Amino acid sequence: MTPHFVLIDDSALVRRSWEVSAKSSQILLNTYKDVPSFLLANHNKNVVIYLDRNLSEGMLGEREALKLIQLGFGNISLCTTMSAFDFVLPKTVCLYESKSPPWEFSDS
């Protein structure tokens, strides 16, 4: 089964880039500008979430990830171009040091 990806990023340019890439790669992707918009969509808890580290209005991805974990989401990666030494991640959140879609790096 093909995974369902979600990108939560306040940058319209980043969201559009992922959307174009997903369409050309036949990837199932939904994008959102913030966590509340994502939650309104009522996604399955198994969705693969890529969450921007620096969201609008000073919201930090690692704090938003904790909220998602408490709601039962478990497959969360924090997207950033910052060094991993600049912040602390929740134990169940992966670090994805890129703003490019992950399927662009896949060998399959």
PDB file of N, CA and C in Angstrom:
ATOM      1  N   MET A   1       0.835  -1.181   0.000  1.00  0.00           N
ATOM      2  CA  MET A   1       0.000   0.000   0.000  1.00  0.00           C
ATOM      3  C   MET A   1       0.883   1.249   0.000  1.00  0.00           C
ATOM      4  N   THR A   2       0.556   2.197  -0.842  1.00  0.00           N
ATOM      5  CA  THR A   2       1.313   3.437  -0.939  1.00  0.00           C
ATOM      6  C   THR A   2       1.001   4.320   0.263  1.00  0.00           C
ATOM      7  N   PRO A   3       2.030   4.870   0.911  1.00  0.00           N
ATOM      8  CA  PRO A   3       1.758   5.728   2.066  1.00  0.00           C
ATOM      9  C   PRO A   3       1.073   7.031   1.656  1.00  0.00           C
ATOM     10  N   HIS A   4       0.320   7.572   2.578  1.00  0.00           N
ATOM     11  CA  HIS A   4      -0.330   8.866   2.406  1.00  0.00           C
ATOM     12  C   HIS A   4       0.518   9.892   3.152  1.00  0.00           C
ATOM     13  N   PHE A   5       1.019  10.863   2.421  1.00  0.00           N
ATOM     14  CA  PHE A   5       1.892  11.886   2.998  1.00  0.00           C
ATOM     15  C   PHE A   5       1.115  13.166   3.286  1.00  0.00           C
ATOM     16  N   VAL A   6       1.557  13.869   4.329  1.00  0.00           N
ATOM     17  CA  VAL A   6       1.036  15.190   4.664  1.00  0.00           C
ATOM     18  C   VAL A   6       2.221  16.102   4.923  1.00  0.00           C
ATOM     19  N   LEU A   7       2.145  17.299   4.368  1.00  0.00           N
ATOM     20  CA  LEU A   7       3.124  18.340   4.667  1.00  0.00           C
ATOM     21  C   LEU A   7       2.388  19.475   5.359  1.00  0.00           C
ATOM     22  N   ILE A   8       2.906  19.888   6.515  1.00  0.00           N
ATOM     23  CA  ILE A   8       2.385  21.056   7.214  1.00  0.00           C
ATOM     24  C   ILE A   8       3.500  22.091   7.220  1.00  0.00           C
ATOM     25  N   ASP A   9       3.313  23.143   6.425  1.00  0.00           N
ATOM     26  CA  ASP A   9       4.349  24.174   6.256  1.00  0.00           C
ATOM     27  C   ASP A   9       3.656  25.496   5.942  1.00  0.00           C
ATOM     28  N   ASP A  10       4.086  26.564   6.586  1.00  0.00           N
ATOM     29  CA  ASP A  10       3.448  27.863   6.364  1.00  0.00           C
ATOM     30  C   ASP A  10       3.860  28.517   5.053  1.00  0.00           C
ATOM     31  N   SER A  11       4.862  27.987   4.387  1.00  0.00           N
ATOM     32  CA  SER A  11       5.323  28.557   3.117  1.00  0.00           C
ATOM     33  C   SER A  11       4.513  27.996   1.946  1.00  0.00           C
ATOM     34  N   ALA A  12       3.791  28.877   1.263  1.00  0.00           N
ATOM     35  CA  ALA A  12       3.020  28.456   0.091  1.00  0.00           C
ATOM     36  C   ALA A  12       3.934  27.902  -0.994  1.00  0.00           C
ATOM     37  N   LEU A  13       5.117  28.451  -1.124  1.00  0.00           N
ATOM     38  CA  LEU A  13       6.075  27.983  -2.135  1.00  0.00           C
ATOM     39  C   LEU A  13       6.526  26.550  -1.851  1.00  0.00           C
ATOM     40  N   VAL A  14       6.834  26.248  -0.604  1.00  0.00           N
ATOM     41  CA  VAL A  14       7.244  24.884  -0.239  1.00  0.00           C
ATOM     42  C   VAL A  14       6.082  23.916  -0.465  1.00  0.00           C
ATOM     43  N   ARG A  15       4.891  24.306  -0.032  1.00  0.00           N
ATOM     44  CA  ARG A  15       3.726  23.426  -0.233  1.00  0.00           C
ATOM     45  C   ARG A  15       3.500  23.160  -1.714  1.00  0.00           C
ATOM     46  N   ARG A  16       3.581  24.179  -2.542  1.00  0.00           N
ATOM     47  CA  ARG A  16       3.364  24.021  -3.982  1.00  0.00           C
ATOM     48  C   ARG A  16       4.427  23.118  -4.601  1.00  0.00           C
ATOM     49  N   SER A  17       5.664  23.284  -4.173  1.00  0.00           N
ATOM     50  CA  SER A  17       6.761  22.444  -4.674  1.00  0.00           C
ATOM     51  C   SER A  17       6.489  20.966  -4.381  1.00  0.00           C
ATOM     52  N   TRP A  18       6.066  20.661  -3.172  1.00  0.00           N
ATOM     53  CA  TRP A  18       5.749  19.286  -2.800  1.00  0.00           C
ATOM     54  C   TRP A  18       4.553  18.773  -3.617  1.00  0.00           C
ATOM     55  N   GLU A  19       3.549  19.615  -3.817  1.00  0.00           N
ATOM     56  CA  GLU A  19       2.364  19.216  -4.579  1.00  0.00           C
ATOM     57  C   GLU A  19       2.718  18.857  -6.017  1.00  0.00           C
ATOM     58  N   VAL A  20       3.544  19.666  -6.649  1.00  0.00           N
ATOM     59  CA  VAL A  20       3.958  19.406  -8.036  1.00  0.00           C
ATOM     60  C   VAL A  20       4.757  18.103  -8.103  1.00  0.00           C
ATOM     61  N   SER A  21       5.686  17.933  -7.172  1.00  0.00           N
ATOM     62  CA  SER A  21       6.501  16.725  -7.144  1.00  0.00           C
ATOM     63  C   SER A  21       5.636  15.485  -6.897  1.00  0.00           C
ATOM     64  N   ALA A  22       4.690  15.591  -5.962  1.00  0.00           N
ATOM     65  CA  ALA A  22       3.818  14.449  -5.647  1.00  0.00           C
ATOM     66  C   ALA A  22       2.979  14.057  -6.860  1.00  0.00           C
ATOM     67  N   LYS A  23       2.452  15.043  -7.541  1.00  0.00           N
ATOM     68  CA  LYS A  23       1.628  14.750  -8.717  1.00  0.00           C
ATOM     69  C   LYS A  23       2.441  14.040  -9.794  1.00  0.00           C
ATOM     70  N   SER A  24       3.648  14.536 -10.060  1.00  0.00           N
ATOM     71  CA  SER A  24       4.470  13.918 -11.102  1.00  0.00           C
ATOM     72  C   SER A  24       4.987  12.534 -10.699  1.00  0.00           C
ATOM     73  N   SER A  25       5.058  12.269  -9.389  1.00  0.00           N
ATOM     74  CA  SER A  25       5.516  10.967  -8.893  1.00  0.00           C
ATOM     75  C   SER A  25       4.362  10.048  -8.503  1.00  0.00           C
ATOM     76  N   GLN A  26       3.130  10.499  -8.718  1.00  0.00           N
ATOM     77  CA  GLN A  26       1.928   9.749  -8.368  1.00  0.00           C
ATOM     78  C   GLN A  26       1.910   9.381  -6.881  1.00  0.00           C
ATOM     79  N   ILE A  27       2.205  10.377  -6.054  1.00  0.00           N
ATOM     80  CA  ILE A  27       2.226  10.232  -4.597  1.00  0.00           C
ATOM     81  C   ILE A  27       0.970  10.877  -4.026  1.00  0.00           C
ATOM     82  N   LEU A  28       0.349  10.220  -3.057  1.00  0.00           N
ATOM     83  CA  LEU A  28      -0.807  10.780  -2.373  1.00  0.00           C
ATOM     84  C   LEU A  28      -0.307  11.765  -1.314  1.00  0.00           C
ATOM     85  N   LEU A  29      -0.641  13.045  -1.494  1.00  0.00           N
ATOM     86  CA  LEU A  29      -0.155  14.112  -0.609  1.00  0.00           C
ATOM     87  C   LEU A  29      -1.254  15.130  -0.367  1.00  0.00           C
ATOM     88  N   ASN A  30      -1.356  15.554   0.894  1.00  0.00           N
ATOM     89  CA  ASN A  30      -2.159  16.715   1.254  1.00  0.00           C
ATOM     90  C   ASN A  30      -1.227  17.706   1.941  1.00  0.00           C
ATOM     91  N   THR A  31      -1.434  18.990   1.701  1.00  0.00           N
ATOM     92  CA  THR A  31      -0.607  20.012   2.333  1.00  0.00           C
ATOM     93  C   THR A  31      -1.491  20.980   3.112  1.00  0.00           C
ATOM     94  N   TYR A  32      -0.929  21.511   4.197  1.00  0.00           N
ATOM     95  CA  TYR A  32      -1.643  22.434   5.068  1.00  0.00           C
ATOM     96  C   TYR A  32      -0.682  23.510   5.550  1.00  0.00           C
ATOM     97  N   LYS A  33      -1.226  24.693   5.815  1.00  0.00           N
ATOM     98  CA  LYS A  33      -0.389  25.796   6.279  1.00  0.00           C
ATOM     99  C   LYS A  33      -0.152  25.759   7.782  1.00  0.00           C
ATOM    100  N   ASP A  34      -0.994  25.014   8.506  1.00  0.00           N
ATOM    101  CA  ASP A  34      -0.832  24.931   9.960  1.00  0.00           C
ATOM    102  C   ASP A  34      -1.500  23.665  10.498  1.00  0.00           C
ATOM    103  N   VAL A  35      -1.226  23.367  11.757  1.00  0.00           N
ATOM    104  CA  VAL A  35      -1.765  22.162  12.383  1.00  0.00           C
ATOM    105  C   VAL A  35      -3.291  22.218  12.522  1.00  0.00           C
ATOM    106  N   PRO A  36      -3.882  23.342  12.926  1.00  0.00           N
ATOM    107  CA  PRO A  36      -5.349  23.362  13.004  1.00  0.00           C
ATOM    108  C   PRO A  36      -6.031  23.017  11.672  1.00  0.00           C
ATOM    109  N   SER A  37      -5.499  23.500  10.564  1.00  0.00           N
ATOM    110  CA  SER A  37      -6.066  23.157   9.249  1.00  0.00           C
ATOM    111  C   SER A  37      -5.955  21.660   8.983  1.00  0.00           C
ATOM    112  N   PHE A  38      -4.816  21.081   9.341  1.00  0.00           N
ATOM    113  CA  PHE A  38      -4.611  19.643   9.190  1.00  0.00           C
ATOM    114  C   PHE A  38      -5.628  18.867  10.027  1.00  0.00           C
ATOM    115  N   LEU A  39      -5.816  19.272  11.268  1.00  0.00           N
ATOM    116  CA  LEU A  39      -6.725  18.553  12.160  1.00  0.00           C
ATOM    117  C   LEU A  39      -8.177  18.614  11.675  1.00  0.00           C
ATOM    118  N   LEU A  40      -8.561  19.705  11.058  1.00  0.00           N
ATOM    119  CA  LEU A  40      -9.921  19.829  10.517  1.00  0.00           C
ATOM    120  C   LEU A  40     -10.196  18.803   9.414  1.00  0.00           C
ATOM    121  N   ALA A  41      -9.144  18.350   8.741  1.00  0.00           N
ATOM    122  CA  ALA A  41      -9.297  17.382   7.657  1.00  0.00           C
ATOM    123  C   ALA A  41      -9.549  15.966   8.163  1.00  0.00           C
ATOM    124  N   ASN A  42      -9.354  15.730   9.457  1.00  0.00           N
ATOM    125  CA  ASN A  42      -9.676  14.452  10.086  1.00  0.00           C
ATOM    126  C   ASN A  42      -8.993  13.263   9.412  1.00  0.00           C
ATOM    127  N   HIS A  43      -7.671  13.305   9.309  1.00  0.00           N
ATOM    128  CA  HIS A  43      -6.884  12.239   8.683  1.00  0.00           C
ATOM    129  C   HIS A  43      -6.757  11.002   9.559  1.00  0.00           C
ATOM    130  N   ASN A  44      -6.502   9.880   8.912  1.00  0.00           N
ATOM    131  CA  ASN A  44      -6.173   8.626   9.575  1.00  0.00           C
ATOM    132  C   ASN A  44      -4.903   8.836  10.407  1.00  0.00           C
ATOM    133  N   LYS A  45      -4.810   8.186  11.543  1.00  0.00           N
ATOM    134  CA  LYS A  45      -3.651   8.340  12.438  1.00  0.00           C
ATOM    135  C   LYS A  45      -2.360   7.767  11.842  1.00  0.00           C
ATOM    136  N   ASN A  46      -2.472   6.951  10.785  1.00  0.00           N
ATOM    137  CA  ASN A  46      -1.290   6.342  10.168  1.00  0.00           C
ATOM    138  C   ASN A  46      -0.656   7.192   9.073  1.00  0.00           C
ATOM    139  N   VAL A  47      -1.177   8.377   8.837  1.00  0.00           N
ATOM    140  CA  VAL A  47      -0.640   9.249   7.799  1.00  0.00           C
ATOM    141  C   VAL A  47       0.815   9.611   8.125  1.00  0.00           C
ATOM    142  N   VAL A  48       1.633   9.785   7.096  1.00  0.00           N
ATOM    143  CA  VAL A  48       3.050  10.147   7.266  1.00  0.00           C
ATOM    144  C   VAL A  48       3.144  11.671   7.233  1.00  0.00           C
ATOM    145  N   ILE A  49       3.492  12.273   8.367  1.00  0.00           N
ATOM    146  CA  ILE A  49       3.470  13.729   8.510  1.00  0.00           C
ATOM    147  C   ILE A  49       4.873  14.311   8.453  1.00  0.00           C
ATOM    148  N   TYR A  50       5.043  15.318   7.602  1.00  0.00           N
ATOM    149  CA  TYR A  50       6.257  16.138   7.562  1.00  0.00           C
ATOM    150  C   TYR A  50       5.848  17.523   8.036  1.00  0.00           C
ATOM    151  N   LEU A  51       6.440  17.955   9.136  1.00  0.00           N
ATOM    152  CA  LEU A  51       6.047  19.170   9.826  1.00  0.00           C
ATOM    153  C   LEU A  51       7.192  20.175   9.824  1.00  0.00           C
ATOM    154  N   ASP A  52       6.913  21.368   9.333  1.00  0.00           N
ATOM    155  CA  ASP A  52       7.912  22.432   9.316  1.00  0.00           C
ATOM    156  C   ASP A  52       8.330  22.770  10.744  1.00  0.00           C
ATOM    157  N   ARG A  53       9.596  23.044  10.939  1.00  0.00           N
ATOM    158  CA  ARG A  53      10.098  23.387  12.266  1.00  0.00           C
ATOM    159  C   ARG A  53       9.676  24.795  12.674  1.00  0.00           C
ATOM    160  N   ASN A  54       9.701  25.747  11.745  1.00  0.00           N
ATOM    161  CA  ASN A  54       9.357  27.139  12.044  1.00  0.00           C
ATOM    162  C   ASN A  54       8.059  27.520  11.342  1.00  0.00           C
ATOM    163  N   LEU A  55       6.972  27.373  12.060  1.00  0.00           N
ATOM    164  CA  LEU A  55       5.668  27.731  11.519  1.00  0.00           C
ATOM    165  C   LEU A  55       5.378  29.200  11.798  1.00  0.00           C
ATOM    166  N   SER A  56       4.317  29.716  11.193  1.00  0.00           N
ATOM    167  CA  SER A  56       3.992  31.137  11.366  1.00  0.00           C
ATOM    168  C   SER A  56       3.618  31.455  12.814  1.00  0.00           C
ATOM    169  N   GLU A  57       3.649  32.737  13.111  1.00  0.00           N
ATOM    170  CA  GLU A  57       3.288  33.262  14.422  1.00  0.00           C
ATOM    171  C   GLU A  57       4.116  32.659  15.550  1.00  0.00           C
ATOM    172  N   GLY A  58       5.368  32.314  15.265  1.00  0.00           N
ATOM    173  CA  GLY A  58       6.273  31.807  16.288  1.00  0.00           C
ATOM    174  C   GLY A  58       6.013  30.389  16.759  1.00  0.00           C
ATOM    175  N   MET A  59       5.140  29.674  16.081  1.00  0.00           N
ATOM    176  CA  MET A  59       4.862  28.295  16.476  1.00  0.00           C
ATOM    177  C   MET A  59       6.030  27.414  16.058  1.00  0.00           C
ATOM    178  N   LEU A  60       6.456  26.552  16.965  1.00  0.00           N
ATOM    179  CA  LEU A  60       7.572  25.643  16.691  1.00  0.00           C
ATOM    180  C   LEU A  60       7.061  24.248  16.381  1.00  0.00           C
ATOM    181  N   GLY A  61       7.619  23.666  15.348  1.00  0.00           N
ATOM    182  CA  GLY A  61       7.203  22.340  14.915  1.00  0.00           C
ATOM    183  C   GLY A  61       7.312  21.282  15.991  1.00  0.00           C
ATOM    184  N   GLU A  62       8.366  21.351  16.797  1.00  0.00           N
ATOM    185  CA  GLU A  62       8.527  20.323  17.829  1.00  0.00           C
ATOM    186  C   GLU A  62       7.414  20.408  18.878  1.00  0.00           C
ATOM    187  N   ARG A  63       6.911  21.601  19.152  1.00  0.00           N
ATOM    188  CA  ARG A  63       5.788  21.739  20.090  1.00  0.00           C
ATOM    189  C   ARG A  63       4.494  21.237  19.458  1.00  0.00           C
ATOM    190  N   GLU A  64       4.313  21.549  18.190  1.00  0.00           N
ATOM    191  CA  GLU A  64       3.128  21.076  17.479  1.00  0.00           C
ATOM    192  C   GLU A  64       3.166  19.549  17.339  1.00  0.00           C
ATOM    193  N   ALA A  65       4.361  18.994  17.163  1.00  0.00           N
ATOM    194  CA  ALA A  65       4.509  17.538  17.063  1.00  0.00           C
ATOM    195  C   ALA A  65       4.038  16.864  18.344  1.00  0.00           C
ATOM    196  N   LEU A  66       4.352  17.445  19.491  1.00  0.00           N
ATOM    197  CA  LEU A  66       3.895  16.874  20.767  1.00  0.00           C
ATOM    198  C   LEU A  66       2.371  16.829  20.831  1.00  0.00           C
ATOM    199  N   LYS A  67       1.711  17.874  20.335  1.00  0.00           N
ATOM    200  CA  LYS A  67       0.241  17.889  20.304  1.00  0.00           C
ATOM    201  C   LYS A  67      -0.288  16.759  19.409  1.00  0.00           C
ATOM    202  N   LEU A  68       0.361  16.577  18.258  1.00  0.00           N
ATOM    203  CA  LEU A  68      -0.069  15.523  17.332  1.00  0.00           C
ATOM    204  C   LEU A  68       0.145  14.145  17.940  1.00  0.00           C
ATOM    205  N   ILE A  69       1.238  13.967  18.636  1.00  0.00           N
ATOM    206  CA  ILE A  69       1.518  12.689  19.303  1.00  0.00           C
ATOM    207  C   ILE A  69       0.435  12.395  20.336  1.00  0.00           C
ATOM    208  N   GLN A  70       0.062  13.410  21.116  1.00  0.00           N
ATOM    209  CA  GLN A  70      -0.989  13.237  22.134  1.00  0.00           C
ATOM    210  C   GLN A  70      -2.332  12.872  21.505  1.00  0.00           C
ATOM    211  N   LEU A  71      -2.540  13.275  20.253  1.00  0.00           N
ATOM    212  CA  LEU A  71      -3.775  12.956  19.541  1.00  0.00           C
ATOM    213  C   LEU A  71      -3.716  11.596  18.840  1.00  0.00           C
ATOM    214  N   GLY A  72      -2.559  10.911  18.930  1.00  0.00           N
ATOM    215  CA  GLY A  72      -2.451   9.566  18.384  1.00  0.00           C
ATOM    216  C   GLY A  72      -1.704   9.438  17.070  1.00  0.00           C
ATOM    217  N   PHE A  73      -1.178  10.536  16.546  1.00  0.00           N
ATOM    218  CA  PHE A  73      -0.378  10.462  15.323  1.00  0.00           C
ATOM    219  C   PHE A  73       1.031  10.023  15.712  1.00  0.00           C
ATOM    220  N   GLY A  74       1.610   9.103  14.940  1.00  0.00           N
ATOM    221  CA  GLY A  74       2.891   8.565  15.343  1.00  0.00           C
ATOM    222  C   GLY A  74       4.003   8.660  14.327  1.00  0.00           C
ATOM    223  N   ASN A  75       3.678   8.918  13.078  1.00  0.00           N
ATOM    224  CA  ASN A  75       4.706   8.942  12.034  1.00  0.00           C
ATOM    225  C   ASN A  75       4.964  10.401  11.646  1.00  0.00           C
ATOM    226  N   ILE A  76       5.800  11.077  12.459  1.00  0.00           N
ATOM    227  CA  ILE A  76       6.038  12.509  12.299  1.00  0.00           C
ATOM    228  C   ILE A  76       7.519  12.773  12.106  1.00  0.00           C
ATOM    229  N   SER A  77       7.819  13.577  11.091  1.00  0.00           N
ATOM    230  CA  SER A  77       9.188  14.032  10.858  1.00  0.00           C
ATOM    231  C   SER A  77       9.190  15.550  10.850  1.00  0.00           C
ATOM    232  N   LEU A  78      10.193  16.130  11.489  1.00  0.00           N
ATOM    233  CA  LEU A  78      10.341  17.578  11.528  1.00  0.00           C
ATOM    234  C   LEU A  78      11.232  18.009  10.376  1.00  0.00           C
ATOM    235  N   CYS A  79      10.700  18.872   9.501  1.00  0.00           N
ATOM    236  CA  CYS A  79      11.437  19.366   8.331  1.00  0.00           C
ATOM    237  C   CYS A  79      12.162  20.656   8.694  1.00  0.00           C
ATOM    238  N   THR A  80      13.438  20.695   8.434  1.00  0.00           N
ATOM    239  CA  THR A  80      14.200  21.902   8.716  1.00  0.00           C
ATOM    240  C   THR A  80      15.506  21.886   7.948  1.00  0.00           C
ATOM    241  N   THR A  81      16.048  23.053   7.752  1.00  0.00           N
ATOM    242  CA  THR A  81      17.398  23.167   7.197  1.00  0.00           C
ATOM    243  C   THR A  81      18.367  23.578   8.299  1.00  0.00           C
ATOM    244  N   MET A  82      17.870  23.624   9.538  1.00  0.00           N
ATOM    245  CA  MET A  82      18.705  23.966  10.691  1.00  0.00           C
ATOM    246  C   MET A  82      19.479  22.737  11.161  1.00  0.00           C
ATOM    247  N   SER A  83      20.530  22.986  11.897  1.00  0.00           N
ATOM    248  CA  SER A  83      21.299  21.903  12.489  1.00  0.00           C
ATOM    249  C   SER A  83      20.495  21.242  13.603  1.00  0.00           C
ATOM    250  N   ALA A  84      20.654  19.954  13.739  1.00  0.00           N
ATOM    251  CA  ALA A  84      19.960  19.208  14.794  1.00  0.00           C
ATOM    252  C   ALA A  84      20.423  19.642  16.182  1.00  0.00           C
ATOM    253  N   PHE A  85      21.523  20.342  16.280  1.00  0.00           N
ATOM    254  CA  PHE A  85      22.035  20.791  17.564  1.00  0.00           C
ATOM    255  C   PHE A  85      21.351  22.065  18.046  1.00  0.00           C
ATOM    256  N   ASP A  86      20.494  22.662  17.202  1.00  0.00           N
ATOM    257  CA  ASP A  86      19.858  23.931  17.539  1.00  0.00           C
ATOM    258  C   ASP A  86      18.570  23.780  18.344  1.00  0.00           C
ATOM    259  N   PHE A  87      18.075  22.563  18.525  1.00  0.00           N
ATOM    260  CA  PHE A  87      16.817  22.347  19.241  1.00  0.00           C
ATOM    261  C   PHE A  87      16.730  20.900  19.702  1.00  0.00           C
ATOM    262  N   VAL A  88      15.751  20.614  20.546  1.00  0.00           N
ATOM    263  CA  VAL A  88      15.544  19.266  21.073  1.00  0.00           C
ATOM    264  C   VAL A  88      14.246  18.704  20.494  1.00  0.00           C
ATOM    265  N   LEU A  89      14.340  17.513  19.939  1.00  0.00           N
ATOM    266  CA  LEU A  89      13.166  16.839  19.354  1.00  0.00           C
ATOM    267  C   LEU A  89      12.514  15.908  20.362  1.00  0.00           C
ATOM    268  N   PRO A  90      11.194  15.794  20.316  1.00  0.00           N
ATOM    269  CA  PRO A  90      10.546  14.740  21.095  1.00  0.00           C
ATOM    270  C   PRO A  90      11.090  13.381  20.627  1.00  0.00           C
ATOM    271  N   LYS A  91      11.181  12.421  21.520  1.00  0.00           N
ATOM    272  CA  LYS A  91      11.799  11.127  21.202  1.00  0.00           C
ATOM    273  C   LYS A  91      11.152  10.397  20.032  1.00  0.00           C
ATOM    274  N   THR A  92       9.875  10.572  19.830  1.00  0.00           N
ATOM    275  CA  THR A  92       9.186   9.830  18.772  1.00  0.00           C
ATOM    276  C   THR A  92       9.132  10.583  17.441  1.00  0.00           C
ATOM    277  N   VAL A  93       9.780  11.732  17.360  1.00  0.00           N
ATOM    278  CA  VAL A  93       9.781  12.529  16.130  1.00  0.00           C
ATOM    279  C   VAL A  93      11.128  12.393  15.431  1.00  0.00           C
ATOM    280  N   CYS A  94      11.097  12.152  14.132  1.00  0.00           N
ATOM    281  CA  CYS A  94      12.317  12.035  13.341  1.00  0.00           C
ATOM    282  C   CYS A  94      12.724  13.411  12.820  1.00  0.00           C
ATOM    283  N   LEU A  95      13.990  13.559  12.559  1.00  0.00           N
ATOM    284  CA  LEU A  95      14.500  14.787  11.968  1.00  0.00           C
ATOM    285  C   LEU A  95      14.691  14.561  10.480  1.00  0.00           C
ATOM    286  N   TYR A  96      14.150  15.462   9.687  1.00  0.00           N
ATOM    287  CA  TYR A  96      14.299  15.410   8.235  1.00  0.00           C
ATOM    288  C   TYR A  96      14.954  16.717   7.828  1.00  0.00           C
ATOM    289  N   GLU A  97      16.259  16.675   7.615  1.00  0.00           N
ATOM    290  CA  GLU A  97      17.026  17.889   7.351  1.00  0.00           C
ATOM    291  C   GLU A  97      16.970  18.272   5.876  1.00  0.00           C
ATOM    292  N   SER A  98      15.780  18.633   5.435  1.00  0.00           N
ATOM    293  CA  SER A  98      15.574  19.046   4.058  1.00  0.00           C
ATOM    294  C   SER A  98      14.203  19.685   3.938  1.00  0.00           C
ATOM    295  N   LYS A  99      14.008  20.436   2.875  1.00  0.00           N
ATOM    296  CA  LYS A  99      12.694  20.970   2.541  1.00  0.00           C
ATOM    297  C   LYS A  99      12.197  20.336   1.241  1.00  0.00           C
ATOM    298  N   SER A 100      12.941  19.375   0.713  1.00  0.00           N
ATOM    299  CA  SER A 100      12.556  18.666  -0.507  1.00  0.00           C
ATOM    300  C   SER A 100      11.722  17.442  -0.150  1.00  0.00           C
ATOM    301  N   PRO A 101      10.795  17.055  -1.017  1.00  0.00           N
ATOM    302  CA  PRO A 101       9.985  15.860  -0.749  1.00  0.00           C
ATOM    303  C   PRO A 101      10.849  14.607  -0.599  1.00  0.00           C
ATOM    304  N   PRO A 102      10.554  13.768   0.380  1.00  0.00           N
ATOM    305  CA  PRO A 102      11.397  12.590   0.651  1.00  0.00           C
ATOM    306  C   PRO A 102      11.408  11.569  -0.471  1.00  0.00           C
ATOM    307  N   TRP A 103      10.333  11.458  -1.240  1.00  0.00           N
ATOM    308  CA  TRP A 103      10.299  10.471  -2.329  1.00  0.00           C
ATOM    309  C   TRP A 103      11.264  10.834  -3.443  1.00  0.00           C
ATOM    310  N   GLU A 104      11.757  12.067  -3.494  1.00  0.00           N
ATOM    311  CA  GLU A 104      12.735  12.447  -4.506  1.00  0.00           C
ATOM    312  C   GLU A 104      14.100  11.820  -4.244  1.00  0.00           C
ATOM    313  N   PHE A 105      14.290  11.287  -3.015  1.00  0.00           N
ATOM    314  CA  PHE A 105      15.551  10.658  -2.654  1.00  0.00           C
ATOM    315  C   PHE A 105      15.449   9.150  -2.591  1.00  0.00           C
ATOM    316  N   SER A 106      14.264   8.615  -2.899  1.00  0.00           N
ATOM    317  CA  SER A 106      14.017   7.174  -2.799  1.00  0.00           C
ATOM    318  C   SER A 106      14.649   6.442  -3.975  1.00  0.00           C
ATOM    319  N   ASP A 107      15.155   5.236  -3.707  1.00  0.00           N
ATOM    320  CA  ASP A 107      15.747   4.400  -4.761  1.00  0.00           C
ATOM    321  C   ASP A 107      14.700   3.562  -5.477  1.00  0.00           C
ATOM    322  N   SER A 108      13.505   3.488  -4.921  1.00  0.00           N
ATOM    323  CA  SER A 108      12.482   2.628  -5.522  1.00  0.00           C
ATOM    324  C   SER A 108      11.703   3.324  -6.606  1.00  0.00           C
TER     325      SER A 108
END
